[in-house]
């Protein structure tokens, strides 16, 4: 899976949930999203999440009420990010479709 993540600046700048985040909340949110995109899961513990977010447990507990709304408990002891799950599924479909197109093109050449 491609580790590149697509960021839609226009959507983020027009989303009231994003606009109302403090710089600390936004930084924590983005770091957790990046980790989730690369690893596919987030732990549920505050200590682990604070380390991934790059802040102290105290700072993390201050920002988590707003940041935590963007993540869901997956029932297996991890947190998920539904919006990134959708983006990952879309990227996978696009990648598979482009691979099929490339294979067809190269089969014609050979």
PDB file of N, CA and C in Angstrom:
ATOM      1  N   UNK A   1       0.837  -1.181   0.000  1.00  0.00           N
ATOM      2  CA  UNK A   1       0.000   0.000   0.000  1.00  0.00           C
ATOM      3  C   UNK A   1       0.879   1.240   0.000  1.00  0.00           C
ATOM      4  N   UNK A   2       0.496   2.184  -0.791  1.00  0.00           N
ATOM      5  CA  UNK A   2       1.209   3.447  -0.883  1.00  0.00           C
ATOM      6  C   UNK A   2       1.126   4.177   0.451  1.00  0.00           C
ATOM      7  N   UNK A   3       2.234   4.663   0.919  1.00  0.00           N
ATOM      8  CA  UNK A   3       2.260   5.371   2.200  1.00  0.00           C
ATOM      9  C   UNK A   3       1.967   6.856   2.049  1.00  0.00           C
ATOM     10  N   UNK A   4       1.752   7.317   0.813  1.00  0.00           N
ATOM     11  CA  UNK A   4       1.402   8.714   0.600  1.00  0.00           C
ATOM     12  C   UNK A   4      -0.053   8.930   0.972  1.00  0.00           C
ATOM     13  N   UNK A   5      -0.321  10.007   1.665  1.00  0.00           N
ATOM     14  CA  UNK A   5      -1.687  10.324   2.077  1.00  0.00           C
ATOM     15  C   UNK A   5      -2.114  11.619   1.384  1.00  0.00           C
ATOM     16  N   UNK A   6      -3.300  11.616   0.872  1.00  0.00           N
ATOM     17  CA  UNK A   6      -3.834  12.792   0.186  1.00  0.00           C
ATOM     18  C   UNK A   6      -4.488  13.698   1.222  1.00  0.00           C
ATOM     19  N   UNK A   7      -4.094  14.955   1.231  1.00  0.00           N
ATOM     20  CA  UNK A   7      -4.696  15.935   2.129  1.00  0.00           C
ATOM     21  C   UNK A   7      -5.463  16.949   1.296  1.00  0.00           C
ATOM     22  N   UNK A   8      -6.706  17.156   1.645  1.00  0.00           N
ATOM     23  CA  UNK A   8      -7.543  18.117   0.950  1.00  0.00           C
ATOM     24  C   UNK A   8      -7.595  19.393   1.789  1.00  0.00           C
ATOM     25  N   UNK A   9      -6.714  20.328   1.486  1.00  0.00           N
ATOM     26  CA  UNK A   9      -6.599  21.558   2.271  1.00  0.00           C
ATOM     27  C   UNK A   9      -7.909  22.336   2.271  1.00  0.00           C
ATOM     28  N   UNK A  10      -8.579  22.417   1.134  1.00  0.00           N
ATOM     29  CA  UNK A  10      -9.835  23.166   1.052  1.00  0.00           C
ATOM     30  C   UNK A  10     -10.880  22.595   2.004  1.00  0.00           C
ATOM     31  N   UNK A  11     -11.012  21.278   2.021  1.00  0.00           N
ATOM     32  CA  UNK A  11     -11.981  20.649   2.920  1.00  0.00           C
ATOM     33  C   UNK A  11     -11.613  20.885   4.376  1.00  0.00           C
ATOM     34  N   UNK A  12     -10.326  20.774   4.682  1.00  0.00           N
ATOM     35  CA  UNK A  12      -9.900  20.970   6.067  1.00  0.00           C
ATOM     36  C   UNK A  12     -10.112  22.411   6.509  1.00  0.00           C
ATOM     37  N   UNK A  13      -9.837  23.357   5.629  1.00  0.00           N
ATOM     38  CA  UNK A  13     -10.002  24.768   5.991  1.00  0.00           C
ATOM     39  C   UNK A  13     -11.458  25.203   6.059  1.00  0.00           C
ATOM     40  N   UNK A  14     -12.345  24.441   5.441  1.00  0.00           N
ATOM     41  CA  UNK A  14     -13.758  24.799   5.479  1.00  0.00           C
ATOM     42  C   UNK A  14     -14.553  23.949   6.471  1.00  0.00           C
ATOM     43  N   UNK A  15     -13.896  22.996   7.107  1.00  0.00           N
ATOM     44  CA  UNK A  15     -14.553  22.120   8.081  1.00  0.00           C
ATOM     45  C   UNK A  15     -14.519  22.795   9.447  1.00  0.00           C
ATOM     46  N   UNK A  16     -15.697  23.078  10.009  1.00  0.00           N
ATOM     47  CA  UNK A  16     -15.748  23.796  11.284  1.00  0.00           C
ATOM     48  C   UNK A  16     -15.064  23.015  12.403  1.00  0.00           C
ATOM     49  N   UNK A  17     -15.094  21.680  12.354  1.00  0.00           N
ATOM     50  CA  UNK A  17     -14.390  20.888  13.366  1.00  0.00           C
ATOM     51  C   UNK A  17     -12.890  21.155  13.327  1.00  0.00           C
ATOM     52  N   UNK A  18     -12.339  21.331  12.141  1.00  0.00           N
ATOM     53  CA  UNK A  18     -10.902  21.576  11.992  1.00  0.00           C
ATOM     54  C   UNK A  18     -10.554  23.014  12.358  1.00  0.00           C
ATOM     55  N   UNK A  19     -11.375  23.952  11.944  1.00  0.00           N
ATOM     56  CA  UNK A  19     -11.106  25.367  12.210  1.00  0.00           C
ATOM     57  C   UNK A  19     -11.076  25.652  13.703  1.00  0.00           C
ATOM     58  N   UNK A  20     -11.908  24.955  14.458  1.00  0.00           N
ATOM     59  CA  UNK A  20     -12.024  25.208  15.885  1.00  0.00           C
ATOM     60  C   UNK A  20     -10.963  24.504  16.729  1.00  0.00           C
ATOM     61  N   UNK A  21     -10.117  23.682  16.103  1.00  0.00           N
ATOM     62  CA  UNK A  21      -9.041  23.024  16.844  1.00  0.00           C
ATOM     63  C   UNK A  21      -7.927  24.020  17.146  1.00  0.00           C
ATOM     64  N   UNK A  22      -7.373  23.920  18.334  1.00  0.00           N
ATOM     65  CA  UNK A  22      -6.192  24.719  18.663  1.00  0.00           C
ATOM     66  C   UNK A  22      -5.004  24.142  17.890  1.00  0.00           C
ATOM     67  N   UNK A  23      -3.909  24.876  17.802  1.00  0.00           N
ATOM     68  CA  UNK A  23      -2.732  24.305  17.143  1.00  0.00           C
ATOM     69  C   UNK A  23      -2.289  22.977  17.769  1.00  0.00           C
ATOM     70  N   UNK A  24      -2.358  22.861  19.080  1.00  0.00           N
ATOM     71  CA  UNK A  24      -1.985  21.608  19.742  1.00  0.00           C
ATOM     72  C   UNK A  24      -2.934  20.479  19.363  1.00  0.00           C
ATOM     73  N   UNK A  25      -4.221  20.767  19.342  1.00  0.00           N
ATOM     74  CA  UNK A  25      -5.214  19.751  18.970  1.00  0.00           C
ATOM     75  C   UNK A  25      -5.024  19.324  17.521  1.00  0.00           C
ATOM     76  N   UNK A  26      -4.791  20.303  16.654  1.00  0.00           N
ATOM     77  CA  UNK A  26      -4.609  19.997  15.236  1.00  0.00           C
ATOM     78  C   UNK A  26      -3.354  19.163  15.012  1.00  0.00           C
ATOM     79  N   UNK A  27      -2.263  19.520  15.677  1.00  0.00           N
ATOM     80  CA  UNK A  27      -1.025  18.755  15.540  1.00  0.00           C
ATOM     81  C   UNK A  27      -1.187  17.324  16.019  1.00  0.00           C
ATOM     82  N   UNK A  28      -1.843  17.157  17.138  1.00  0.00           N
ATOM     83  CA  UNK A  28      -2.098  15.818  17.681  1.00  0.00           C
ATOM     84  C   UNK A  28      -2.960  15.024  16.700  1.00  0.00           C
ATOM     85  N   UNK A  29      -4.011  15.650  16.211  1.00  0.00           N
ATOM     86  CA  UNK A  29      -4.921  15.007  15.255  1.00  0.00           C
ATOM     87  C   UNK A  29      -4.173  14.546  14.010  1.00  0.00           C
ATOM     88  N   UNK A  30      -3.344  15.404  13.452  1.00  0.00           N
ATOM     89  CA  UNK A  30      -2.635  15.056  12.220  1.00  0.00           C
ATOM     90  C   UNK A  30      -1.602  13.957  12.463  1.00  0.00           C
ATOM     91  N   UNK A  31      -0.873  14.031  13.554  1.00  0.00           N
ATOM     92  CA  UNK A  31       0.122  12.987  13.839  1.00  0.00           C
ATOM     93  C   UNK A  31      -0.548  11.633  14.017  1.00  0.00           C
ATOM     94  N   UNK A  32      -1.697  11.609  14.694  1.00  0.00           N
ATOM     95  CA  UNK A  32      -2.409  10.350  14.875  1.00  0.00           C
ATOM     96  C   UNK A  32      -2.961   9.841  13.547  1.00  0.00           C
ATOM     97  N   UNK A  33      -3.452  10.748  12.714  1.00  0.00           N
ATOM     98  CA  UNK A  33      -3.925  10.339  11.382  1.00  0.00           C
ATOM     99  C   UNK A  33      -2.777   9.758  10.557  1.00  0.00           C
ATOM    100  N   UNK A  34      -1.631  10.390  10.571  1.00  0.00           N
ATOM    101  CA  UNK A  34      -0.486   9.901   9.811  1.00  0.00           C
ATOM    102  C   UNK A  34      -0.081   8.513  10.299  1.00  0.00           C
ATOM    103  N   UNK A  35      -0.022   8.351  11.616  1.00  0.00           N
ATOM    104  CA  UNK A  35       0.328   7.041  12.155  1.00  0.00           C
ATOM    105  C   UNK A  35      -0.711   6.001  11.730  1.00  0.00           C
ATOM    106  N   UNK A  36      -1.970   6.363  11.804  1.00  0.00           N
ATOM    107  CA  UNK A  36      -3.027   5.422  11.425  1.00  0.00           C
ATOM    108  C   UNK A  36      -2.912   5.050   9.946  1.00  0.00           C
ATOM    109  N   UNK A  37      -2.621   6.024   9.105  1.00  0.00           N
ATOM    110  CA  UNK A  37      -2.502   5.759   7.665  1.00  0.00           C
ATOM    111  C   UNK A  37      -1.384   4.750   7.387  1.00  0.00           C
ATOM    112  N   UNK A  38      -0.263   4.920   8.070  1.00  0.00           N
ATOM    113  CA  UNK A  38       0.886   4.050   7.836  1.00  0.00           C
ATOM    114  C   UNK A  38       0.717   2.685   8.503  1.00  0.00           C
ATOM    115  N   UNK A  39       0.263   2.668   9.734  1.00  0.00           N
ATOM    116  CA  UNK A  39       0.200   1.424  10.502  1.00  0.00           C
ATOM    117  C   UNK A  39      -1.161   0.734  10.462  1.00  0.00           C
ATOM    118  N   UNK A  40      -2.223   1.471  10.223  1.00  0.00           N
ATOM    119  CA  UNK A  40      -3.548   0.862  10.133  1.00  0.00           C
ATOM    120  C   UNK A  40      -4.264   0.657  11.444  1.00  0.00           C
ATOM    121  N   UNK A  41      -3.680   1.027  12.553  1.00  0.00           N
ATOM    122  CA  UNK A  41      -4.352   0.889  13.838  1.00  0.00           C
ATOM    123  C   UNK A  41      -3.711   1.831  14.844  1.00  0.00           C
ATOM    124  N   UNK A  42      -4.490   2.230  15.819  1.00  0.00           N
ATOM    125  CA  UNK A  42      -3.992   3.039  16.920  1.00  0.00           C
ATOM    126  C   UNK A  42      -4.323   2.326  18.221  1.00  0.00           C
ATOM    127  N   UNK A  43      -3.420   2.381  19.188  1.00  0.00           N
ATOM    128  CA  UNK A  43      -3.742   1.799  20.493  1.00  0.00           C
ATOM    129  C   UNK A  43      -4.781   2.670  21.195  1.00  0.00           C
ATOM    130  N   UNK A  44      -5.378   2.159  22.245  1.00  0.00           N
ATOM    131  CA  UNK A  44      -6.389   2.939  22.964  1.00  0.00           C
ATOM    132  C   UNK A  44      -5.841   3.630  24.201  1.00  0.00           C
ATOM    133  N   UNK A  45      -4.688   3.242  24.675  1.00  0.00           N
ATOM    134  CA  UNK A  45      -4.136   3.802  25.905  1.00  0.00           C
ATOM    135  C   UNK A  45      -3.609   5.212  25.739  1.00  0.00           C
ATOM    136  N   UNK A  46      -3.876   6.044  26.751  1.00  0.00           N
ATOM    137  CA  UNK A  46      -3.431   7.442  26.710  1.00  0.00           C
ATOM    138  C   UNK A  46      -1.918   7.574  26.605  1.00  0.00           C
ATOM    139  N   UNK A  47      -1.179   6.723  27.295  1.00  0.00           N
ATOM    140  CA  UNK A  47       0.279   6.820  27.252  1.00  0.00           C
ATOM    141  C   UNK A  47       0.795   6.555  25.837  1.00  0.00           C
ATOM    142  N   UNK A  48       0.323   5.486  25.223  1.00  0.00           N
ATOM    143  CA  UNK A  48       0.754   5.160  23.854  1.00  0.00           C
ATOM    144  C   UNK A  48       0.320   6.238  22.867  1.00  0.00           C
ATOM    145  N   UNK A  49      -0.917   6.681  22.984  1.00  0.00           N
ATOM    146  CA  UNK A  49      -1.415   7.713  22.068  1.00  0.00           C
ATOM    147  C   UNK A  49      -0.652   9.022  22.242  1.00  0.00           C
ATOM    148  N   UNK A  50      -0.339   9.379  23.472  1.00  0.00           N
ATOM    149  CA  UNK A  50       0.402  10.625  23.696  1.00  0.00           C
ATOM    150  C   UNK A  50       1.794  10.554  23.070  1.00  0.00           C
ATOM    151  N   UNK A  51       2.416   9.386  23.145  1.00  0.00           N
ATOM    152  CA  UNK A  51       3.734   9.225  22.515  1.00  0.00           C
ATOM    153  C   UNK A  51       3.626   9.354  21.002  1.00  0.00           C
ATOM    154  N   UNK A  52       2.611   8.729  20.422  1.00  0.00           N
ATOM    155  CA  UNK A  52       2.415   8.832  18.977  1.00  0.00           C
ATOM    156  C   UNK A  52       2.110  10.272  18.563  1.00  0.00           C
ATOM    157  N   UNK A  53       1.411  10.986  19.438  1.00  0.00           N
ATOM    158  CA  UNK A  53       1.042  12.377  19.145  1.00  0.00           C
ATOM    159  C   UNK A  53       2.189  13.346  19.434  1.00  0.00           C
ATOM    160  N   UNK A  54       3.226  12.860  20.101  1.00  0.00           N
ATOM    161  CA  UNK A  54       4.389  13.704  20.373  1.00  0.00           C
ATOM    162  C   UNK A  54       4.175  14.690  21.509  1.00  0.00           C
ATOM    163  N   UNK A  55       3.407  14.295  22.509  1.00  0.00           N
ATOM    164  CA  UNK A  55       3.164  15.192  23.631  1.00  0.00           C
ATOM    165  C   UNK A  55       3.137  14.408  24.943  1.00  0.00           C
ATOM    166  N   UNK A  56       3.086  15.136  26.044  1.00  0.00           N
ATOM    167  CA  UNK A  56       3.012  14.481  27.348  1.00  0.00           C
ATOM    168  C   UNK A  56       1.599  13.934  27.558  1.00  0.00           C
ATOM    169  N   UNK A  57       1.461  13.056  28.525  1.00  0.00           N
ATOM    170  CA  UNK A  57       0.146  12.494  28.835  1.00  0.00           C
ATOM    171  C   UNK A  57      -0.806  13.613  29.257  1.00  0.00           C
ATOM    172  N   UNK A  58      -0.306  14.563  30.048  1.00  0.00           N
ATOM    173  CA  UNK A  58      -1.141  15.690  30.480  1.00  0.00           C
ATOM    174  C   UNK A  58      -1.621  16.526  29.310  1.00  0.00           C
ATOM    175  N   UNK A  59      -0.705  16.846  28.396  1.00  0.00           N
ATOM    176  CA  UNK A  59      -1.103  17.604  27.199  1.00  0.00           C
ATOM    177  C   UNK A  59      -2.101  16.807  26.380  1.00  0.00           C
ATOM    178  N   UNK A  60      -1.838  15.511  26.254  1.00  0.00           N
ATOM    179  CA  UNK A  60      -2.727  14.659  25.465  1.00  0.00           C
ATOM    180  C   UNK A  60      -4.133  14.638  26.060  1.00  0.00           C
ATOM    181  N   UNK A  61      -4.226  14.521  27.370  1.00  0.00           N
ATOM    182  CA  UNK A  61      -5.541  14.492  28.007  1.00  0.00           C
ATOM    183  C   UNK A  61      -6.295  15.799  27.808  1.00  0.00           C
ATOM    184  N   UNK A  62      -5.566  16.907  27.657  1.00  0.00           N
ATOM    185  CA  UNK A  62      -6.213  18.192  27.377  1.00  0.00           C
ATOM    186  C   UNK A  62      -6.791  18.254  25.967  1.00  0.00           C
ATOM    187  N   UNK A  63      -6.090  17.662  24.994  1.00  0.00           N
ATOM    188  CA  UNK A  63      -6.535  17.771  23.592  1.00  0.00           C
ATOM    189  C   UNK A  63      -7.455  16.627  23.162  1.00  0.00           C
ATOM    190  N   UNK A  64      -7.400  15.496  23.856  1.00  0.00           N
ATOM    191  CA  UNK A  64      -8.138  14.314  23.419  1.00  0.00           C
ATOM    192  C   UNK A  64      -9.653  14.500  23.313  1.00  0.00           C
ATOM    193  N   UNK A  65     -10.302  15.281  24.184  1.00  0.00           N
ATOM    194  CA  UNK A  65     -11.752  15.421  24.025  1.00  0.00           C
ATOM    195  C   UNK A  65     -12.180  15.869  22.622  1.00  0.00           C
ATOM    196  N   UNK A  66     -11.453  16.775  22.013  1.00  0.00           N
ATOM    197  CA  UNK A  66     -11.797  17.213  20.648  1.00  0.00           C
ATOM    198  C   UNK A  66     -11.224  16.275  19.589  1.00  0.00           C
ATOM    199  N   UNK A  67      -9.991  15.839  19.795  1.00  0.00           N
ATOM    200  CA  UNK A  67      -9.321  14.979  18.816  1.00  0.00           C
ATOM    201  C   UNK A  67      -9.980  13.605  18.770  1.00  0.00           C
ATOM    202  N   UNK A  68     -10.343  13.091  19.906  1.00  0.00           N
ATOM    203  CA  UNK A  68     -10.895  11.741  20.005  1.00  0.00           C
ATOM    204  C   UNK A  68     -12.192  11.539  19.249  1.00  0.00           C
ATOM    205  N   UNK A  69     -12.891  12.613  18.955  1.00  0.00           N
ATOM    206  CA  UNK A  69     -14.154  12.509  18.195  1.00  0.00           C
ATOM    207  C   UNK A  69     -13.941  11.973  16.784  1.00  0.00           C
ATOM    208  N   UNK A  70     -12.730  12.067  16.299  1.00  0.00           N
ATOM    209  CA  UNK A  70     -12.429  11.657  14.927  1.00  0.00           C
ATOM    210  C   UNK A  70     -11.964  10.205  14.823  1.00  0.00           C
ATOM    211  N   UNK A  71     -11.935   9.518  15.956  1.00  0.00           N
ATOM    212  CA  UNK A  71     -11.500   8.123  16.003  1.00  0.00           C
ATOM    213  C   UNK A  71     -12.556   7.289  16.711  1.00  0.00           C
ATOM    214  N   UNK A  72     -12.625   6.010  16.356  1.00  0.00           N
ATOM    215  CA  UNK A  72     -13.613   5.117  16.941  1.00  0.00           C
ATOM    216  C   UNK A  72     -12.938   3.860  17.465  1.00  0.00           C
ATOM    217  N   UNK A  73     -13.490   3.317  18.546  1.00  0.00           N
ATOM    218  CA  UNK A  73     -13.023   2.041  19.081  1.00  0.00           C
ATOM    219  C   UNK A  73     -13.462   0.956  18.109  1.00  0.00           C
ATOM    220  N   UNK A  74     -12.520   0.124  17.656  1.00  0.00           N
ATOM    221  CA  UNK A  74     -12.865  -0.908  16.675  1.00  0.00           C
ATOM    222  C   UNK A  74     -13.334  -2.205  17.317  1.00  0.00           C
ATOM    223  N   UNK A  75     -13.390  -2.246  18.652  1.00  0.00           N
ATOM    224  CA  UNK A  75     -13.848  -3.446  19.342  1.00  0.00           C
ATOM    225  C   UNK A  75     -12.768  -4.486  19.568  1.00  0.00           C
ATOM    226  N   UNK A  76     -11.583  -4.274  18.992  1.00  0.00           N
ATOM    227  CA  UNK A  76     -10.459  -5.205  19.149  1.00  0.00           C
ATOM    228  C   UNK A  76      -9.324  -4.592  19.953  1.00  0.00           C
ATOM    229  N   UNK A  77      -9.627  -3.561  20.723  1.00  0.00           N
ATOM    230  CA  UNK A  77      -8.595  -2.925  21.533  1.00  0.00           C
ATOM    231  C   UNK A  77      -7.790  -1.878  20.797  1.00  0.00           C
ATOM    232  N   UNK A  78      -8.277  -1.445  19.652  1.00  0.00           N
ATOM    233  CA  UNK A  78      -7.601  -0.415  18.866  1.00  0.00           C
ATOM    234  C   UNK A  78      -8.588   0.683  18.504  1.00  0.00           C
ATOM    235  N   UNK A  79      -8.042   1.785  18.034  1.00  0.00           N
ATOM    236  CA  UNK A  79      -8.867   2.861  17.506  1.00  0.00           C
ATOM    237  C   UNK A  79      -8.754   2.861  15.988  1.00  0.00           C
ATOM    238  N   UNK A  80      -9.835   3.226  15.336  1.00  0.00           N
ATOM    239  CA  UNK A  80      -9.818   3.351  13.884  1.00  0.00           C
ATOM    240  C   UNK A  80     -10.224   4.768  13.507  1.00  0.00           C
ATOM    241  N   UNK A  81      -9.966   5.120  12.272  1.00  0.00           N
ATOM    242  CA  UNK A  81     -10.328   6.436  11.739  1.00  0.00           C
ATOM    243  C   UNK A  81     -11.172   6.189  10.488  1.00  0.00           C
ATOM    244  N   UNK A  82     -12.490   6.229  10.631  1.00  0.00           N
ATOM    245  CA  UNK A  82     -13.370   5.901   9.502  1.00  0.00           C
ATOM    246  C   UNK A  82     -13.093   6.703   8.231  1.00  0.00           C
ATOM    247  N   UNK A  83     -12.774   7.978   8.369  1.00  0.00           N
ATOM    248  CA  UNK A  83     -12.523   8.779   7.164  1.00  0.00           C
ATOM    249  C   UNK A  83     -11.283   8.278   6.422  1.00  0.00           C
ATOM    250  N   UNK A  84     -10.272   7.843   7.158  1.00  0.00           N
ATOM    251  CA  UNK A  84      -9.081   7.303   6.498  1.00  0.00           C
ATOM    252  C   UNK A  84      -9.320   5.901   5.961  1.00  0.00           C
ATOM    253  N   UNK A  85     -10.181   5.144   6.623  1.00  0.00           N
ATOM    254  CA  UNK A  85     -10.530   3.827   6.086  1.00  0.00           C
ATOM    255  C   UNK A  85     -11.194   3.977   4.725  1.00  0.00           C
ATOM    256  N   UNK A  86     -12.076   4.968   4.609  1.00  0.00           N
ATOM    257  CA  UNK A  86     -12.726   5.236   3.315  1.00  0.00           C
ATOM    258  C   UNK A  86     -11.698   5.675   2.277  1.00  0.00           C
ATOM    259  N   UNK A  87     -10.793   6.555   2.663  1.00  0.00           N
ATOM    260  CA  UNK A  87      -9.761   7.035   1.738  1.00  0.00           C
ATOM    261  C   UNK A  87      -8.842   5.897   1.309  1.00  0.00           C
ATOM    262  N   UNK A  88      -8.499   5.008   2.246  1.00  0.00           N
ATOM    263  CA  UNK A  88      -7.647   3.868   1.924  1.00  0.00           C
ATOM    264  C   UNK A  88      -8.345   2.938   0.933  1.00  0.00           C
ATOM    265  N   UNK A  89      -9.629   2.680   1.159  1.00  0.00           N
ATOM    266  CA  UNK A  89     -10.388   1.813   0.254  1.00  0.00           C
ATOM    267  C   UNK A  89     -10.465   2.437  -1.144  1.00  0.00           C
ATOM    268  N   UNK A  90     -10.680   3.735  -1.203  1.00  0.00           N
ATOM    269  CA  UNK A  90     -10.743   4.425  -2.497  1.00  0.00           C
ATOM    270  C   UNK A  90      -9.386   4.369  -3.204  1.00  0.00           C
ATOM    271  N   UNK A  91      -8.310   4.588  -2.456  1.00  0.00           N
ATOM    272  CA  UNK A  91      -6.967   4.531  -3.042  1.00  0.00           C
ATOM    273  C   UNK A  91      -6.662   3.127  -3.561  1.00  0.00           C
ATOM    274  N   UNK A  92      -7.098   2.125  -2.828  1.00  0.00           N
ATOM    275  CA  UNK A  92      -6.869   0.746  -3.258  1.00  0.00           C
ATOM    276  C   UNK A  92      -7.626   0.443  -4.549  1.00  0.00           C
ATOM    277  N   UNK A  93      -8.887   0.885  -4.611  1.00  0.00           N
ATOM    278  CA  UNK A  93      -9.672   0.666  -5.834  1.00  0.00           C
ATOM    279  C   UNK A  93      -9.031   1.372  -7.026  1.00  0.00           C
ATOM    280  N   UNK A  94      -8.587   2.592  -6.810  1.00  0.00           N
ATOM    281  CA  UNK A  94      -7.933   3.349  -7.879  1.00  0.00           C
ATOM    282  C   UNK A  94      -6.655   2.660  -8.321  1.00  0.00           C
ATOM    283  N   UNK A  95      -5.854   2.208  -7.373  1.00  0.00           N
ATOM    284  CA  UNK A  95      -4.603   1.523  -7.687  1.00  0.00           C
ATOM    285  C   UNK A  95      -4.859   0.247  -8.478  1.00  0.00           C
ATOM    286  N   UNK A  96      -5.851  -0.527  -8.060  1.00  0.00           N
ATOM    287  CA  UNK A  96      -6.177  -1.766  -8.773  1.00  0.00           C
ATOM    288  C   UNK A  96      -6.663  -1.471 -10.187  1.00  0.00           C
ATOM    289  N   UNK A  97      -7.484  -0.438 -10.328  1.00  0.00           N
ATOM    290  CA  UNK A  97      -7.992  -0.074 -11.648  1.00  0.00           C
ATOM    291  C   UNK A  97      -6.855   0.380 -12.564  1.00  0.00           C
ATOM    292  N   UNK A  98      -5.937   1.186 -12.027  1.00  0.00           N
ATOM    293  CA  UNK A  98      -4.813   1.663 -12.830  1.00  0.00           C
ATOM    294  C   UNK A  98      -3.878   0.511 -13.191  1.00  0.00           C
ATOM    295  N   UNK A  99      -3.715  -0.453 -12.297  1.00  0.00           N
ATOM    296  CA  UNK A  99      -2.887  -1.625 -12.600  1.00  0.00           C
ATOM    297  C   UNK A  99      -3.490  -2.433 -13.739  1.00  0.00           C
ATOM    298  N   UNK A 100      -4.813  -2.589 -13.720  1.00  0.00           N
ATOM    299  CA  UNK A 100      -5.494  -3.312 -14.794  1.00  0.00           C
ATOM    300  C   UNK A 100      -5.312  -2.603 -16.137  1.00  0.00           C
ATOM    301  N   UNK A 101      -5.435  -1.293 -16.121  1.00  0.00           N
ATOM    302  CA  UNK A 101      -5.249  -0.510 -17.349  1.00  0.00           C
ATOM    303  C   UNK A 101      -3.827  -0.682 -17.872  1.00  0.00           C
ATOM    304  N   UNK A 102      -2.846  -0.599 -16.963  1.00  0.00           N
ATOM    305  CA  UNK A 102      -1.448  -0.747 -17.376  1.00  0.00           C
ATOM    306  C   UNK A 102      -1.186  -2.146 -17.933  1.00  0.00           C
ATOM    307  N   UNK A 103      -1.731  -3.171 -17.294  1.00  0.00           N
ATOM    308  CA  UNK A 103      -1.545  -4.542 -17.789  1.00  0.00           C
ATOM    309  C   UNK A 103      -2.136  -4.711 -19.185  1.00  0.00           C
ATOM    310  N   UNK A 104      -3.306  -4.175 -19.401  1.00  0.00           N
ATOM    311  CA  UNK A 104      -3.929  -4.265 -20.727  1.00  0.00           C
ATOM    312  C   UNK A 104      -3.072  -3.568 -21.771  1.00  0.00           C
ATOM    313  N   UNK A 105      -2.565  -2.379 -21.413  1.00  0.00           N
ATOM    314  CA  UNK A 105      -1.726  -1.626 -22.346  1.00  0.00           C
ATOM    315  C   UNK A 105      -0.463  -2.405 -22.677  1.00  0.00           C
ATOM    316  N   UNK A 106       0.200  -2.983 -21.684  1.00  0.00           N
ATOM    317  CA  UNK A 106       1.445  -3.701 -21.918  1.00  0.00           C
ATOM    318  C   UNK A 106       1.220  -5.037 -22.636  1.00  0.00           C
ATOM    319  N   UNK A 107       0.067  -5.626 -22.444  1.00  0.00           N
ATOM    320  CA  UNK A 107      -0.226  -6.861 -23.180  1.00  0.00           C
ATOM    321  C   UNK A 107      -0.399  -6.584 -24.662  1.00  0.00           C
ATOM    322  N   UNK A 108      -0.938  -5.426 -24.996  1.00  0.00           N
ATOM    323  CA  UNK A 108      -1.090  -5.054 -26.404  1.00  0.00           C
ATOM    324  C   UNK A 108       0.266  -4.825 -27.056  1.00  0.00           C
ATOM    325  N   UNK A 109       1.199  -4.282 -26.308  1.00  0.00           N
ATOM    326  CA  UNK A 109       2.534  -3.978 -26.831  1.00  0.00           C
ATOM    327  C   UNK A 109       3.333  -5.254 -27.032  1.00  0.00           C
ATOM    328  N   UNK A 110       3.207  -6.196 -26.137  1.00  0.00           N
ATOM    329  CA  UNK A 110       4.023  -7.427 -26.194  1.00  0.00           C
ATOM    330  C   UNK A 110       3.606  -8.368 -27.261  1.00  0.00           C
TER     331      UNK A 110
END
